[in-house]
Amino acid sequence: MVQYAVLAWSCRYPELLRYTDNIRILDELQNAGLIAGEDVSCLQEAYKAYRAAAHRLALQNQPGKVSGDQFHDFRQGSSSSGSKCCLPSSQPPNLRGDWRGRAQAEPKNA
């Protein structure tokens, strides 16, 4: 979801391209006004919890699977404040890449 937000919004908000890690990209999405601060905190906490669990399992040479209820609260998009984690409701531009990898707005009839 974070990488999608960068792809969808970086043409309008080039500062989203500054960092490659999800935590700081989420901060930039907040700074750009695309995701509310409460939602960013929720998403960052969920990401850190998932990463910590994946690292623990990897260090134990265990498969990267957990029980379905282990991250239930994060999957529901809830935080301690009860906010929902989501992307902005306004539509990003419909983009496609040119042969040099640069994004271009698609024609309206495409």
N, C-alpha and C. Protein backbone atom coordinates (compact mmCIF):
# COMPACT_ATOMS: atom_id res chain seq x y z
N MET A 1 0.81 -1.18 0.00
CA MET A 1 0.00 0.00 0.00
C MET A 1 0.87 1.26 0.00
N VAL A 2 1.95 1.23 0.75
CA VAL A 2 2.82 2.40 0.82
C VAL A 2 3.49 2.64 -0.53
N GLN A 3 3.98 1.58 -1.15
CA GLN A 3 4.61 1.74 -2.46
C GLN A 3 3.59 2.20 -3.50
N TYR A 4 2.36 1.73 -3.41
CA TYR A 4 1.31 2.20 -4.32
C TYR A 4 1.10 3.70 -4.15
N ALA A 5 1.07 4.15 -2.92
CA ALA A 5 0.87 5.58 -2.68
C ALA A 5 1.99 6.39 -3.32
N VAL A 6 3.22 5.90 -3.24
CA VAL A 6 4.34 6.60 -3.87
C VAL A 6 4.14 6.63 -5.38
N LEU A 7 3.80 5.49 -5.96
CA LEU A 7 3.58 5.45 -7.41
C LEU A 7 2.43 6.36 -7.83
N ALA A 8 1.38 6.37 -7.06
CA ALA A 8 0.19 7.14 -7.42
C ALA A 8 0.37 8.64 -7.23
N TRP A 9 1.14 9.06 -6.23
CA TRP A 9 1.16 10.47 -5.86
C TRP A 9 2.49 11.17 -6.09
N SER A 10 3.56 10.47 -6.43
CA SER A 10 4.87 11.12 -6.52
C SER A 10 4.95 12.15 -7.65
N CYS A 11 4.11 12.02 -8.66
CA CYS A 11 4.14 13.04 -9.73
C CYS A 11 3.67 14.40 -9.18
N ARG A 12 2.78 14.39 -8.23
CA ARG A 12 2.30 15.64 -7.62
C ARG A 12 3.09 16.02 -6.37
N TYR A 13 3.65 15.00 -5.69
CA TYR A 13 4.38 15.21 -4.45
C TYR A 13 5.75 14.52 -4.55
N PRO A 14 6.72 15.12 -5.25
CA PRO A 14 8.01 14.47 -5.47
C PRO A 14 8.77 14.16 -4.18
N GLU A 15 8.41 14.82 -3.09
CA GLU A 15 9.07 14.53 -1.81
C GLU A 15 8.82 13.09 -1.36
N LEU A 16 7.81 12.43 -1.91
CA LEU A 16 7.55 11.03 -1.58
C LEU A 16 8.66 10.12 -2.07
N LEU A 17 9.48 10.60 -2.99
CA LEU A 17 10.57 9.79 -3.55
C LEU A 17 11.85 9.91 -2.74
N ARG A 18 11.86 10.71 -1.71
CA ARG A 18 13.06 10.96 -0.93
C ARG A 18 13.58 9.71 -0.23
N TYR A 19 12.70 8.90 0.33
CA TYR A 19 13.11 7.74 1.13
C TYR A 19 12.61 6.45 0.48
N THR A 20 13.26 5.35 0.82
CA THR A 20 12.85 4.06 0.28
C THR A 20 12.20 3.17 1.34
N ASP A 21 12.28 3.55 2.60
CA ASP A 21 11.70 2.70 3.65
C ASP A 21 10.28 3.15 3.98
N ASN A 22 9.45 2.17 4.32
CA ASN A 22 8.02 2.42 4.55
C ASN A 22 7.74 3.40 5.68
N ILE A 23 8.50 3.34 6.75
CA ILE A 23 8.23 4.21 7.90
C ILE A 23 8.38 5.68 7.49
N ARG A 24 9.48 6.02 6.84
CA ARG A 24 9.69 7.42 6.45
C ARG A 24 8.80 7.83 5.29
N ILE A 25 8.46 6.90 4.41
CA ILE A 25 7.51 7.23 3.34
C ILE A 25 6.16 7.59 3.96
N LEU A 26 5.74 6.84 4.96
CA LEU A 26 4.48 7.17 5.64
C LEU A 26 4.55 8.57 6.26
N ASP A 27 5.70 8.90 6.85
CA ASP A 27 5.86 10.26 7.39
C ASP A 27 5.69 11.30 6.28
N GLU A 28 6.28 11.04 5.12
CA GLU A 28 6.16 11.98 3.99
C GLU A 28 4.72 12.07 3.48
N LEU A 29 4.01 10.94 3.49
CA LEU A 29 2.59 10.97 3.10
C LEU A 29 1.79 11.85 4.06
N GLN A 30 2.14 11.80 5.33
CA GLN A 30 1.49 12.67 6.31
C GLN A 30 1.88 14.13 6.06
N ASN A 31 3.17 14.38 5.85
CA ASN A 31 3.63 15.75 5.62
C ASN A 31 2.97 16.37 4.39
N ALA A 32 2.69 15.54 3.39
CA ALA A 32 2.03 16.03 2.17
C ALA A 32 0.53 16.20 2.36
N GLY A 33 0.01 15.77 3.50
CA GLY A 33 -1.42 15.89 3.77
C GLY A 33 -2.26 14.81 3.11
N LEU A 34 -1.62 13.70 2.71
CA LEU A 34 -2.35 12.63 2.02
C LEU A 34 -2.91 11.59 2.97
N ILE A 35 -2.30 11.42 4.12
CA ILE A 35 -2.79 10.48 5.13
C ILE A 35 -2.74 11.20 6.48
N ALA A 36 -3.79 11.06 7.27
CA ALA A 36 -3.87 11.70 8.58
C ALA A 36 -2.82 11.12 9.53
N GLY A 37 -2.36 11.94 10.45
CA GLY A 37 -1.34 11.54 11.41
C GLY A 37 -1.72 10.30 12.21
N GLU A 38 -2.98 10.19 12.63
CA GLU A 38 -3.42 9.02 13.39
C GLU A 38 -3.32 7.75 12.55
N ASP A 39 -3.67 7.87 11.27
CA ASP A 39 -3.59 6.73 10.37
C ASP A 39 -2.13 6.33 10.12
N VAL A 40 -1.26 7.33 9.97
CA VAL A 40 0.16 7.05 9.77
C VAL A 40 0.71 6.30 10.97
N SER A 41 0.37 6.75 12.17
CA SER A 41 0.84 6.06 13.38
C SER A 41 0.36 4.62 13.42
N CYS A 42 -0.90 4.42 13.08
CA CYS A 42 -1.48 3.08 13.05
C CYS A 42 -0.75 2.20 12.05
N LEU A 43 -0.54 2.71 10.84
CA LEU A 43 0.14 1.94 9.81
C LEU A 43 1.59 1.65 10.19
N GLN A 44 2.27 2.61 10.78
CA GLN A 44 3.65 2.39 11.19
C GLN A 44 3.73 1.33 12.29
N GLU A 45 2.83 1.37 13.24
CA GLU A 45 2.84 0.36 14.30
C GLU A 45 2.54 -1.03 13.75
N ALA A 46 1.60 -1.11 12.83
CA ALA A 46 1.29 -2.40 12.21
C ALA A 46 2.49 -2.92 11.45
N TYR A 47 3.14 -2.07 10.69
CA TYR A 47 4.31 -2.47 9.92
C TYR A 47 5.42 -2.97 10.84
N LYS A 48 5.67 -2.23 11.92
CA LYS A 48 6.73 -2.64 12.85
C LYS A 48 6.39 -3.97 13.53
N ALA A 49 5.13 -4.19 13.85
CA ALA A 49 4.73 -5.45 14.47
C ALA A 49 4.91 -6.62 13.50
N TYR A 50 4.50 -6.43 12.26
CA TYR A 50 4.69 -7.48 11.24
C TYR A 50 6.16 -7.78 11.03
N ARG A 51 6.97 -6.73 10.91
CA ARG A 51 8.40 -6.91 10.68
C ARG A 51 9.06 -7.63 11.86
N ALA A 52 8.70 -7.25 13.07
CA ALA A 52 9.27 -7.89 14.26
C ALA A 52 8.92 -9.38 14.29
N ALA A 53 7.68 -9.69 13.99
CA ALA A 53 7.26 -11.10 13.98
C ALA A 53 8.00 -11.86 12.89
N ALA A 54 8.14 -11.28 11.72
CA ALA A 54 8.84 -11.95 10.62
C ALA A 54 10.31 -12.18 10.98
N HIS A 55 10.93 -11.22 11.61
CA HIS A 55 12.34 -11.37 12.01
C HIS A 55 12.50 -12.44 13.07
N ARG A 56 11.59 -12.46 14.05
CA ARG A 56 11.67 -13.50 15.10
C ARG A 56 11.57 -14.89 14.49
N LEU A 57 10.62 -15.07 13.58
CA LEU A 57 10.45 -16.37 12.93
C LEU A 57 11.66 -16.73 12.08
N ALA A 58 12.21 -15.77 11.37
CA ALA A 58 13.37 -16.04 10.54
C ALA A 58 14.57 -16.45 11.39
N LEU A 59 14.77 -15.77 12.51
CA LEU A 59 15.89 -16.12 13.40
C LEU A 59 15.74 -17.51 14.01
N GLN A 60 14.51 -17.98 14.10
CA GLN A 60 14.24 -19.32 14.63
C GLN A 60 14.12 -20.35 13.52
N ASN A 61 14.46 -19.97 12.30
CA ASN A 61 14.33 -20.85 11.14
C ASN A 61 12.92 -21.42 11.00
N GLN A 62 11.94 -20.59 11.31
CA GLN A 62 10.53 -20.98 11.21
C GLN A 62 9.92 -20.37 9.95
N PRO A 63 8.88 -21.01 9.40
CA PRO A 63 8.19 -20.39 8.26
C PRO A 63 7.56 -19.07 8.68
N GLY A 64 7.38 -18.19 7.73
CA GLY A 64 6.84 -16.86 8.00
C GLY A 64 5.33 -16.82 8.11
N LYS A 65 4.74 -17.76 8.83
CA LYS A 65 3.29 -17.79 9.00
C LYS A 65 2.96 -17.63 10.48
N VAL A 66 1.89 -16.91 10.74
CA VAL A 66 1.39 -16.74 12.11
C VAL A 66 -0.08 -17.09 12.13
N SER A 67 -0.63 -17.26 13.30
CA SER A 67 -2.06 -17.56 13.40
C SER A 67 -2.87 -16.38 12.90
N GLY A 68 -4.05 -16.66 12.39
CA GLY A 68 -4.90 -15.63 11.81
C GLY A 68 -5.33 -14.54 12.76
N ASP A 69 -5.33 -14.82 14.05
CA ASP A 69 -5.80 -13.81 15.00
C ASP A 69 -4.67 -13.00 15.62
N GLN A 70 -3.41 -13.31 15.28
CA GLN A 70 -2.29 -12.61 15.92
C GLN A 70 -2.29 -11.12 15.63
N PHE A 71 -2.67 -10.71 14.43
CA PHE A 71 -2.65 -9.30 14.07
C PHE A 71 -4.04 -8.78 13.73
N HIS A 72 -5.03 -9.33 14.38
CA HIS A 72 -6.43 -9.00 14.10
C HIS A 72 -6.70 -7.50 14.19
N ASP A 73 -6.23 -6.86 15.24
CA ASP A 73 -6.50 -5.43 15.41
C ASP A 73 -5.91 -4.59 14.29
N PHE A 74 -4.70 -4.96 13.85
CA PHE A 74 -4.08 -4.21 12.75
C PHE A 74 -4.84 -4.43 11.45
N ARG A 75 -5.27 -5.67 11.20
CA ARG A 75 -6.01 -5.95 9.96
C ARG A 75 -7.34 -5.22 9.94
N GLN A 76 -7.91 -5.00 11.07
CA GLN A 76 -9.17 -4.25 11.13
C GLN A 76 -8.93 -2.76 10.94
N GLY A 77 -7.67 -2.35 10.94
CA GLY A 77 -7.36 -0.94 10.72
C GLY A 77 -7.62 -0.08 11.93
N SER A 78 -7.61 -0.67 13.10
CA SER A 78 -7.91 0.12 14.28
C SER A 78 -6.64 0.47 15.02
N SER A 79 -6.68 1.58 15.69
CA SER A 79 -5.60 1.97 16.57
C SER A 79 -6.23 2.27 17.92
N SER A 80 -5.43 2.67 18.87
CA SER A 80 -5.98 2.96 20.19
C SER A 80 -7.00 4.09 20.14
N SER A 81 -6.87 4.97 19.16
CA SER A 81 -7.83 6.07 19.05
C SER A 81 -9.07 5.69 18.25
N GLY A 82 -9.06 4.49 17.65
CA GLY A 82 -10.22 4.03 16.91
C GLY A 82 -10.27 4.51 15.48
N SER A 83 -9.19 5.11 14.96
CA SER A 83 -9.22 5.59 13.58
C SER A 83 -9.02 4.45 12.62
N LYS A 84 -9.43 4.65 11.39
CA LYS A 84 -9.25 3.68 10.32
C LYS A 84 -8.03 4.06 9.50
N CYS A 85 -7.22 3.08 9.17
CA CYS A 85 -6.05 3.33 8.33
C CYS A 85 -6.47 3.22 6.87
N CYS A 86 -6.24 4.28 6.12
CA CYS A 86 -6.65 4.24 4.72
C CYS A 86 -5.86 5.23 3.91
N LEU A 87 -5.93 5.08 2.58
CA LEU A 87 -5.32 6.04 1.66
C LEU A 87 -6.30 7.18 1.44
N PRO A 88 -5.81 8.27 0.89
CA PRO A 88 -6.70 9.40 0.62
C PRO A 88 -7.86 9.00 -0.28
N SER A 89 -8.98 9.66 -0.10
CA SER A 89 -10.15 9.30 -0.88
C SER A 89 -10.12 9.88 -2.28
N SER A 90 -9.38 10.96 -2.49
CA SER A 90 -9.34 11.53 -3.84
C SER A 90 -8.53 10.63 -4.75
N GLN A 91 -8.93 10.55 -5.99
CA GLN A 91 -8.31 9.64 -6.95
C GLN A 91 -6.95 10.16 -7.40
N PRO A 92 -5.93 9.28 -7.42
CA PRO A 92 -4.65 9.69 -7.99
C PRO A 92 -4.77 9.72 -9.51
N PRO A 93 -3.84 10.37 -10.18
CA PRO A 93 -3.91 10.40 -11.64
C PRO A 93 -3.71 9.00 -12.21
N ASN A 94 -4.30 8.74 -13.36
CA ASN A 94 -4.13 7.46 -14.05
C ASN A 94 -2.82 7.55 -14.83
N LEU A 95 -1.81 6.80 -14.39
CA LEU A 95 -0.48 6.94 -14.95
C LEU A 95 -0.02 5.69 -15.67
N ARG A 96 0.85 5.89 -16.64
CA ARG A 96 1.56 4.80 -17.28
C ARG A 96 2.98 5.28 -17.51
N GLY A 97 3.93 4.37 -17.65
CA GLY A 97 5.31 4.75 -17.86
C GLY A 97 5.64 4.84 -19.33
N ASP A 98 6.52 5.78 -19.70
CA ASP A 98 7.01 5.80 -21.06
C ASP A 98 8.19 4.85 -21.16
N TRP A 99 8.79 4.73 -22.31
CA TRP A 99 9.85 3.76 -22.52
C TRP A 99 11.08 4.05 -21.68
N ARG A 100 11.24 5.26 -21.16
CA ARG A 100 12.38 5.60 -20.30
C ARG A 100 12.04 5.41 -18.83
N GLY A 101 10.85 4.91 -18.53
CA GLY A 101 10.45 4.68 -17.15
C GLY A 101 9.83 5.87 -16.46
N ARG A 102 9.63 6.98 -17.21
CA ARG A 102 9.00 8.14 -16.61
C ARG A 102 7.49 8.01 -16.68
N ALA A 103 6.82 8.47 -15.67
CA ALA A 103 5.36 8.40 -15.65
C ALA A 103 4.77 9.51 -16.51
N GLN A 104 3.71 9.16 -17.21
CA GLN A 104 2.96 10.12 -18.02
C GLN A 104 1.48 9.94 -17.70
N ALA A 105 0.74 11.02 -17.74
CA ALA A 105 -0.70 10.90 -17.57
C ALA A 105 -1.27 10.22 -18.81
N GLU A 106 -2.16 9.26 -18.60
CA GLU A 106 -2.79 8.58 -19.73
C GLU A 106 -3.81 9.48 -20.37
N PRO A 107 -3.98 9.35 -21.68
CA PRO A 107 -5.04 10.12 -22.36
C PRO A 107 -6.41 9.75 -21.78
N LYS A 108 -7.32 10.66 -21.81
CA LYS A 108 -8.65 10.41 -21.23
C LYS A 108 -9.38 9.26 -21.89
N ASN A 109 -9.14 8.98 -23.16
CA ASN A 109 -9.85 7.89 -23.84
C ASN A 109 -9.11 6.58 -23.78
N ALA A 110 -8.06 6.46 -22.98
CA ALA A 110 -7.28 5.22 -22.88
C ALA A 110 -7.95 4.20 -22.00
